[in-house]
Amino acid sequence: MSAEDRIGSLGLALPAAAAPAGNYVASARVGDMLYLSGIGPQRPDGAYMTGVVGQDLTVAQGYEAARFCGLVLLANMRAALGSLDRVARVVKVFGMVRCAPGFGEQPEVINGCTDLFVEVFGDAGRPARSAVGMIALPRGIAVEIEAIVQVA
């Protein structure tokens, strides 16, 4: 089953592709690699999930925030490539979690994004990954994630 078909069968609705909020582009393609700028957790209503994971938000809520990031990253992939079927594999995901001091469950939070990528792309969605904690993220968002994908 193609990635585009999986989106439908999973009942996922991708949001509109994210417009850059500064002097940068949403994605940059170099050869067969697509580099996607960091994305915050935008809910379907357009609001962003804010707060500190491990203080204001639970790990489950952080996971949900990471999944929202993944949905926007998918939308940006589609906007850049015309179809998610052009993604050969997700190569790397870098996830940042705004978290309380001593919080150590960043990998469990970022699974919200990478689990989504595996649902959509199968094994080709399982990336190399970093999951790190941050004291602050732009505008108080709970999670920010960037990705690199190989284009077929």
N, C-alpha and C. Protein backbone atom coordinates (compact mmCIF):
# COMPACT_ATOMS: atom_id res chain seq x y z
N MET A 1 0.85 -1.18 0.00
CA MET A 1 0.00 0.00 0.00
C MET A 1 0.89 1.24 0.00
N SER A 2 0.53 2.22 -0.80
CA SER A 2 1.32 3.44 -0.89
C SER A 2 1.13 4.31 0.36
N ALA A 3 2.04 5.22 0.58
CA ALA A 3 1.94 6.14 1.72
C ALA A 3 0.66 6.96 1.64
N GLU A 4 0.33 7.43 0.46
CA GLU A 4 -0.90 8.23 0.30
C GLU A 4 -2.13 7.39 0.63
N ASP A 5 -2.13 6.12 0.24
CA ASP A 5 -3.25 5.24 0.57
C ASP A 5 -3.32 4.99 2.07
N ARG A 6 -2.15 4.83 2.71
CA ARG A 6 -2.12 4.61 4.16
C ARG A 6 -2.70 5.80 4.91
N ILE A 7 -2.41 7.01 4.44
CA ILE A 7 -2.97 8.21 5.08
C ILE A 7 -4.49 8.07 5.14
N GLY A 8 -5.09 7.70 4.01
CA GLY A 8 -6.54 7.53 3.95
C GLY A 8 -7.03 6.39 4.81
N SER A 9 -6.35 5.24 4.75
CA SER A 9 -6.81 4.08 5.51
C SER A 9 -6.67 4.29 7.02
N LEU A 10 -5.72 5.12 7.43
CA LEU A 10 -5.55 5.43 8.85
C LEU A 10 -6.53 6.52 9.32
N GLY A 11 -7.25 7.11 8.38
CA GLY A 11 -8.20 8.17 8.72
C GLY A 11 -7.51 9.47 9.12
N LEU A 12 -6.29 9.67 8.62
CA LEU A 12 -5.55 10.89 8.96
C LEU A 12 -5.91 12.02 8.02
N ALA A 13 -6.04 13.20 8.57
CA ALA A 13 -6.23 14.41 7.78
C ALA A 13 -4.99 15.26 8.00
N LEU A 14 -4.24 15.49 6.94
CA LEU A 14 -3.06 16.33 7.08
C LEU A 14 -3.46 17.80 7.08
N PRO A 15 -2.82 18.58 7.94
CA PRO A 15 -3.10 20.01 7.95
C PRO A 15 -2.51 20.67 6.71
N ALA A 16 -2.74 21.94 6.55
CA ALA A 16 -2.08 22.70 5.48
C ALA A 16 -0.59 22.72 5.80
N ALA A 17 0.21 22.77 4.75
CA ALA A 17 1.65 22.88 4.95
C ALA A 17 1.94 24.15 5.75
N ALA A 18 2.95 24.07 6.61
CA ALA A 18 3.30 25.20 7.47
C ALA A 18 4.09 26.23 6.69
N ALA A 19 3.72 27.47 6.83
CA ALA A 19 4.48 28.57 6.24
C ALA A 19 5.60 28.96 7.21
N PRO A 20 6.78 29.29 6.69
CA PRO A 20 7.85 29.72 7.58
C PRO A 20 7.45 30.94 8.40
N ALA A 21 7.92 30.97 9.65
CA ALA A 21 7.61 32.08 10.55
C ALA A 21 8.78 33.05 10.64
N GLY A 22 9.71 32.95 9.72
CA GLY A 22 10.89 33.82 9.73
C GLY A 22 11.60 33.75 8.39
N ASN A 23 12.86 34.10 8.40
CA ASN A 23 13.66 34.17 7.19
C ASN A 23 14.30 32.82 6.89
N TYR A 24 13.48 31.85 6.49
CA TYR A 24 13.93 30.51 6.14
C TYR A 24 12.86 29.86 5.27
N VAL A 25 13.14 28.68 4.76
CA VAL A 25 12.18 27.94 3.94
C VAL A 25 11.69 26.72 4.72
N ALA A 26 10.52 26.24 4.39
CA ALA A 26 9.95 25.08 5.07
C ALA A 26 10.74 23.81 4.77
N SER A 27 11.32 23.74 3.56
CA SER A 27 12.12 22.60 3.19
C SER A 27 13.13 23.02 2.15
N ALA A 28 14.21 22.24 2.07
CA ALA A 28 15.23 22.48 1.06
C ALA A 28 15.66 21.13 0.50
N ARG A 29 15.61 21.01 -0.81
CA ARG A 29 15.99 19.75 -1.45
C ARG A 29 17.40 19.89 -2.03
N VAL A 30 18.23 18.91 -1.72
CA VAL A 30 19.58 18.82 -2.26
C VAL A 30 19.74 17.41 -2.80
N GLY A 31 19.80 17.27 -4.12
CA GLY A 31 19.88 15.95 -4.72
C GLY A 31 18.64 15.14 -4.37
N ASP A 32 18.87 13.96 -3.79
CA ASP A 32 17.73 13.11 -3.43
C ASP A 32 17.37 13.23 -1.95
N MET A 33 17.85 14.30 -1.31
CA MET A 33 17.55 14.51 0.12
C MET A 33 16.68 15.76 0.29
N LEU A 34 15.67 15.65 1.15
CA LEU A 34 14.80 16.76 1.49
C LEU A 34 14.98 17.06 2.97
N TYR A 35 15.42 18.27 3.27
CA TYR A 35 15.63 18.72 4.65
C TYR A 35 14.43 19.56 5.06
N LEU A 36 13.77 19.15 6.14
CA LEU A 36 12.56 19.83 6.60
C LEU A 36 12.85 20.63 7.86
N SER A 37 12.48 21.90 7.84
CA SER A 37 12.68 22.78 8.98
C SER A 37 11.89 22.29 10.19
N GLY A 38 12.34 22.71 11.37
CA GLY A 38 11.66 22.35 12.60
C GLY A 38 10.22 22.85 12.62
N ILE A 39 9.35 22.00 13.16
CA ILE A 39 7.90 22.25 13.20
C ILE A 39 7.43 22.13 14.64
N GLY A 40 6.52 23.02 15.02
CA GLY A 40 5.89 22.93 16.33
C GLY A 40 4.59 22.13 16.26
N PRO A 41 4.05 21.78 17.43
CA PRO A 41 2.85 20.94 17.51
C PRO A 41 1.56 21.72 17.29
N GLN A 42 1.18 21.84 16.03
CA GLN A 42 -0.03 22.58 15.69
C GLN A 42 -1.23 21.65 15.68
N ARG A 43 -2.21 21.99 16.50
CA ARG A 43 -3.45 21.21 16.58
C ARG A 43 -4.31 21.47 15.34
N PRO A 44 -5.30 20.62 15.10
CA PRO A 44 -6.18 20.83 13.95
C PRO A 44 -6.88 22.19 13.95
N ASP A 45 -7.11 22.78 15.13
CA ASP A 45 -7.77 24.10 15.19
C ASP A 45 -6.79 25.25 14.95
N GLY A 46 -5.51 24.93 14.70
CA GLY A 46 -4.51 25.95 14.42
C GLY A 46 -3.70 26.40 15.63
N ALA A 47 -4.17 26.09 16.83
CA ALA A 47 -3.45 26.46 18.05
C ALA A 47 -2.27 25.51 18.24
N TYR A 48 -1.26 26.00 18.93
CA TYR A 48 -0.08 25.18 19.23
C TYR A 48 -0.16 24.66 20.65
N MET A 49 0.32 23.43 20.85
CA MET A 49 0.43 22.88 22.20
C MET A 49 1.64 23.53 22.86
N THR A 50 1.39 24.17 23.97
CA THR A 50 2.45 24.82 24.71
C THR A 50 2.57 24.18 26.09
N GLY A 51 3.65 24.48 26.77
CA GLY A 51 3.84 23.99 28.11
C GLY A 51 5.11 23.19 28.25
N VAL A 52 5.37 22.77 29.47
CA VAL A 52 6.58 22.04 29.81
C VAL A 52 6.21 20.59 30.11
N VAL A 53 6.79 19.66 29.35
CA VAL A 53 6.52 18.25 29.57
C VAL A 53 7.20 17.83 30.87
N GLY A 54 6.44 17.11 31.70
CA GLY A 54 6.95 16.73 33.02
C GLY A 54 6.62 17.74 34.09
N GLN A 55 5.95 18.81 33.69
CA GLN A 55 5.50 19.83 34.64
C GLN A 55 4.05 20.21 34.34
N ASP A 56 3.80 20.81 33.17
CA ASP A 56 2.44 21.19 32.76
C ASP A 56 1.76 20.09 31.95
N LEU A 57 2.57 19.28 31.27
CA LEU A 57 2.06 18.26 30.36
C LEU A 57 2.61 16.89 30.76
N THR A 58 1.80 15.87 30.58
CA THR A 58 2.23 14.49 30.83
C THR A 58 3.04 13.98 29.64
N VAL A 59 3.66 12.83 29.81
CA VAL A 59 4.37 12.19 28.70
C VAL A 59 3.38 11.89 27.57
N ALA A 60 2.18 11.44 27.90
CA ALA A 60 1.16 11.15 26.89
C ALA A 60 0.79 12.42 26.11
N GLN A 61 0.68 13.54 26.79
CA GLN A 61 0.39 14.79 26.09
C GLN A 61 1.58 15.23 25.23
N GLY A 62 2.79 14.98 25.71
CA GLY A 62 3.98 15.27 24.90
C GLY A 62 4.01 14.40 23.65
N TYR A 63 3.65 13.13 23.80
CA TYR A 63 3.56 12.20 22.66
C TYR A 63 2.57 12.76 21.63
N GLU A 64 1.42 13.22 22.11
CA GLU A 64 0.41 13.81 21.22
C GLU A 64 0.98 15.03 20.50
N ALA A 65 1.73 15.87 21.22
CA ALA A 65 2.34 17.05 20.61
C ALA A 65 3.31 16.62 19.51
N ALA A 66 4.11 15.60 19.77
CA ALA A 66 5.06 15.11 18.76
C ALA A 66 4.32 14.55 17.55
N ARG A 67 3.19 13.91 17.78
CA ARG A 67 2.39 13.40 16.65
C ARG A 67 1.85 14.57 15.81
N PHE A 68 1.41 15.64 16.47
CA PHE A 68 0.98 16.83 15.71
C PHE A 68 2.13 17.37 14.87
N CYS A 69 3.35 17.39 15.42
CA CYS A 69 4.52 17.81 14.64
C CYS A 69 4.68 16.91 13.42
N GLY A 70 4.54 15.61 13.63
CA GLY A 70 4.68 14.66 12.53
C GLY A 70 3.67 14.88 11.42
N LEU A 71 2.44 15.21 11.79
CA LEU A 71 1.41 15.47 10.77
C LEU A 71 1.78 16.69 9.92
N VAL A 72 2.30 17.74 10.56
CA VAL A 72 2.71 18.94 9.81
C VAL A 72 3.93 18.62 8.95
N LEU A 73 4.86 17.82 9.47
CA LEU A 73 6.01 17.43 8.66
C LEU A 73 5.56 16.64 7.43
N LEU A 74 4.59 15.75 7.60
CA LEU A 74 4.04 15.02 6.45
C LEU A 74 3.42 15.98 5.44
N ALA A 75 2.69 16.97 5.93
CA ALA A 75 2.08 17.97 5.03
C ALA A 75 3.16 18.74 4.28
N ASN A 76 4.26 19.06 4.96
CA ASN A 76 5.35 19.78 4.30
C ASN A 76 6.07 18.89 3.29
N MET A 77 6.19 17.60 3.59
CA MET A 77 6.77 16.66 2.62
C MET A 77 5.91 16.63 1.36
N ARG A 78 4.60 16.50 1.56
CA ARG A 78 3.68 16.44 0.42
C ARG A 78 3.75 17.72 -0.39
N ALA A 79 3.80 18.87 0.28
CA ALA A 79 3.86 20.16 -0.42
C ALA A 79 5.15 20.27 -1.24
N ALA A 80 6.24 19.78 -0.71
CA ALA A 80 7.52 19.88 -1.41
C ALA A 80 7.65 18.88 -2.56
N LEU A 81 7.05 17.70 -2.40
CA LEU A 81 7.26 16.62 -3.36
C LEU A 81 6.05 16.32 -4.24
N GLY A 82 4.89 16.86 -3.88
CA GLY A 82 3.68 16.58 -4.66
C GLY A 82 2.92 15.35 -4.17
N SER A 83 3.62 14.40 -3.56
CA SER A 83 3.00 13.19 -3.06
C SER A 83 3.93 12.56 -2.03
N LEU A 84 3.34 11.98 -0.99
CA LEU A 84 4.14 11.25 0.00
C LEU A 84 4.72 9.97 -0.58
N ASP A 85 4.18 9.52 -1.70
CA ASP A 85 4.70 8.32 -2.36
C ASP A 85 6.10 8.55 -2.92
N ARG A 86 6.55 9.78 -2.96
CA ARG A 86 7.90 10.09 -3.44
C ARG A 86 8.94 9.98 -2.33
N VAL A 87 8.51 9.74 -1.10
CA VAL A 87 9.45 9.56 0.01
C VAL A 87 9.98 8.14 -0.04
N ALA A 88 11.28 8.00 -0.23
CA ALA A 88 11.90 6.67 -0.25
C ALA A 88 12.10 6.16 1.17
N ARG A 89 12.55 7.05 2.06
CA ARG A 89 12.69 6.70 3.48
C ARG A 89 12.89 7.95 4.30
N VAL A 90 12.48 7.85 5.56
CA VAL A 90 12.77 8.90 6.53
C VAL A 90 14.15 8.56 7.07
N VAL A 91 15.11 9.44 6.85
CA VAL A 91 16.50 9.17 7.20
C VAL A 91 16.80 9.56 8.64
N LYS A 92 16.38 10.76 9.05
CA LYS A 92 16.75 11.27 10.37
C LYS A 92 15.64 12.16 10.91
N VAL A 93 15.39 12.01 12.21
CA VAL A 93 14.47 12.89 12.94
C VAL A 93 15.23 13.45 14.13
N PHE A 94 15.12 14.76 14.31
CA PHE A 94 15.71 15.43 15.47
C PHE A 94 14.57 16.06 16.25
N GLY A 95 14.33 15.54 17.46
CA GLY A 95 13.21 16.00 18.28
C GLY A 95 13.68 16.71 19.53
N MET A 96 13.07 17.86 19.78
CA MET A 96 13.38 18.68 20.94
C MET A 96 12.13 18.77 21.82
N VAL A 97 12.29 18.49 23.10
CA VAL A 97 11.19 18.49 24.04
C VAL A 97 11.45 19.58 25.09
N ARG A 98 10.54 20.51 25.22
CA ARG A 98 10.62 21.49 26.30
C ARG A 98 10.19 20.77 27.57
N CYS A 99 11.14 20.59 28.49
CA CYS A 99 10.84 19.73 29.62
C CYS A 99 11.38 20.28 30.93
N ALA A 100 10.84 19.73 31.99
CA ALA A 100 11.23 20.12 33.35
C ALA A 100 12.62 19.58 33.66
N PRO A 101 13.34 20.24 34.56
CA PRO A 101 14.65 19.72 34.98
C PRO A 101 14.49 18.29 35.51
N GLY A 102 15.44 17.44 35.14
CA GLY A 102 15.40 16.05 35.59
C GLY A 102 14.52 15.14 34.76
N PHE A 103 13.75 15.68 33.83
CA PHE A 103 12.89 14.86 32.97
C PHE A 103 13.76 14.03 32.05
N GLY A 104 13.49 12.75 31.90
CA GLY A 104 14.32 11.89 31.08
C GLY A 104 13.57 11.04 30.07
N GLU A 105 12.32 11.39 29.78
CA GLU A 105 11.52 10.56 28.88
C GLU A 105 11.34 11.20 27.50
N GLN A 106 12.35 11.94 27.05
CA GLN A 106 12.29 12.56 25.73
C GLN A 106 12.06 11.52 24.62
N PRO A 107 12.72 10.34 24.67
CA PRO A 107 12.46 9.36 23.60
C PRO A 107 11.00 8.93 23.52
N GLU A 108 10.36 8.76 24.67
CA GLU A 108 8.95 8.35 24.67
C GLU A 108 8.07 9.44 24.07
N VAL A 109 8.42 10.69 24.28
CA VAL A 109 7.67 11.81 23.69
C VAL A 109 7.84 11.81 22.17
N ILE A 110 9.08 11.76 21.69
CA ILE A 110 9.35 11.85 20.25
C ILE A 110 8.82 10.64 19.50
N ASN A 111 8.56 9.52 20.20
CA ASN A 111 7.90 8.37 19.57
C ASN A 111 6.58 8.78 18.92
N GLY A 112 5.94 9.83 19.42
CA GLY A 112 4.68 10.29 18.82
C GLY A 112 4.85 10.61 17.35
N CYS A 113 5.99 11.16 16.98
CA CYS A 113 6.27 11.47 15.58
C CYS A 113 6.75 10.23 14.83
N THR A 114 7.72 9.53 15.40
CA THR A 114 8.30 8.41 14.65
C THR A 114 7.34 7.23 14.55
N ASP A 115 6.47 7.03 15.54
CA ASP A 115 5.43 6.01 15.39
C ASP A 115 4.52 6.35 14.21
N LEU A 116 4.18 7.62 14.06
CA LEU A 116 3.35 8.06 12.94
C LEU A 116 4.05 7.77 11.61
N PHE A 117 5.34 8.09 11.53
CA PHE A 117 6.07 7.86 10.28
C PHE A 117 6.10 6.38 9.92
N VAL A 118 6.23 5.50 10.91
CA VAL A 118 6.21 4.06 10.65
C VAL A 118 4.81 3.63 10.20
N GLU A 119 3.77 4.21 10.78
CA GLU A 119 2.40 3.90 10.35
C GLU A 119 2.21 4.25 8.88
N VAL A 120 2.78 5.37 8.45
CA VAL A 120 2.57 5.87 7.08
C VAL A 120 3.51 5.21 6.08
N PHE A 121 4.79 5.06 6.44
CA PHE A 121 5.80 4.59 5.48
C PHE A 121 6.29 3.16 5.74
N GLY A 122 5.77 2.49 6.77
CA GLY A 122 6.27 1.17 7.11
C GLY A 122 7.70 1.27 7.61
N ASP A 123 8.51 0.24 7.35
CA ASP A 123 9.90 0.25 7.83
C ASP A 123 10.70 1.42 7.27
N ALA A 124 10.33 1.94 6.11
CA ALA A 124 11.02 3.10 5.53
C ALA A 124 10.79 4.36 6.36
N GLY A 125 9.85 4.32 7.29
CA GLY A 125 9.58 5.47 8.16
C GLY A 125 10.35 5.42 9.46
N ARG A 126 11.13 4.36 9.69
CA ARG A 126 11.89 4.22 10.94
C ARG A 126 13.25 4.90 10.76
N PRO A 127 13.44 6.09 11.37
CA PRO A 127 14.66 6.87 11.11
C PRO A 127 15.76 6.65 12.14
N ALA A 128 16.94 7.13 11.81
CA ALA A 128 17.91 7.44 12.85
C ALA A 128 17.30 8.64 13.59
N ARG A 129 17.60 8.78 14.90
CA ARG A 129 16.85 9.79 15.65
C ARG A 129 17.63 10.33 16.83
N SER A 130 17.36 11.58 17.15
CA SER A 130 17.82 12.19 18.39
C SER A 130 16.60 12.73 19.10
N ALA A 131 16.58 12.59 20.43
CA ALA A 131 15.49 13.13 21.25
C ALA A 131 16.15 13.81 22.44
N VAL A 132 16.05 15.12 22.47
CA VAL A 132 16.76 15.88 23.50
C VAL A 132 15.80 16.81 24.26
N GLY A 133 16.22 17.19 25.45
CA GLY A 133 15.46 18.11 26.27
C GLY A 133 15.97 19.52 26.12
N MET A 134 15.06 20.47 26.18
CA MET A 134 15.38 21.90 26.07
C MET A 134 14.72 22.64 27.22
N ILE A 135 15.36 23.70 27.66
CA ILE A 135 14.75 24.53 28.70
C ILE A 135 13.68 25.45 28.11
N ALA A 136 13.82 25.80 26.83
CA ALA A 136 12.85 26.67 26.18
C ALA A 136 12.78 26.33 24.70
N LEU A 137 11.61 26.56 24.12
CA LEU A 137 11.41 26.44 22.68
C LEU A 137 10.61 27.67 22.23
N PRO A 138 10.65 28.01 20.95
CA PRO A 138 9.98 29.22 20.48
C PRO A 138 8.51 29.29 20.90
N ARG A 139 8.12 30.46 21.37
CA ARG A 139 6.73 30.77 21.73
C ARG A 139 6.13 29.80 22.73
N GLY A 140 6.98 29.13 23.49
CA GLY A 140 6.50 28.25 24.55
C GLY A 140 6.00 26.89 24.09
N ILE A 141 6.25 26.52 22.81
CA ILE A 141 5.76 25.23 22.33
C ILE A 141 6.40 24.09 23.12
N ALA A 142 5.68 22.98 23.20
CA ALA A 142 6.12 21.84 23.99
C ALA A 142 7.15 20.98 23.27
N VAL A 143 7.07 20.91 21.95
CA VAL A 143 7.93 20.04 21.15
C VAL A 143 8.22 20.72 19.83
N GLU A 144 9.43 20.51 19.32
CA GLU A 144 9.78 20.92 17.96
C GLU A 144 10.55 19.77 17.33
N ILE A 145 10.20 19.47 16.07
CA ILE A 145 10.83 18.34 15.38
C ILE A 145 11.20 18.73 13.96
N GLU A 146 12.39 18.32 13.55
CA GLU A 146 12.82 18.49 12.15
C GLU A 146 13.13 17.11 11.60
N ALA A 147 13.18 17.01 10.27
CA ALA A 147 13.42 15.69 9.65
C ALA A 147 14.19 15.83 8.35
N ILE A 148 14.83 14.73 7.98
CA ILE A 148 15.49 14.60 6.70
C ILE A 148 14.94 13.34 6.04
N VAL A 149 14.50 13.46 4.77
CA VAL A 149 13.97 12.31 4.06
C VAL A 149 14.69 12.15 2.73
N GLN A 150 14.78 10.91 2.30
CA GLN A 150 15.33 10.60 0.98
C GLN A 150 14.18 10.53 -0.01
N VAL A 151 14.38 11.15 -1.15
CA VAL A 151 13.35 11.22 -2.19
C VAL A 151 13.58 10.12 -3.21
N ALA A 152 12.50 9.42 -3.57
CA ALA A 152 12.61 8.36 -4.59
C ALA A 152 12.72 8.98 -5.97
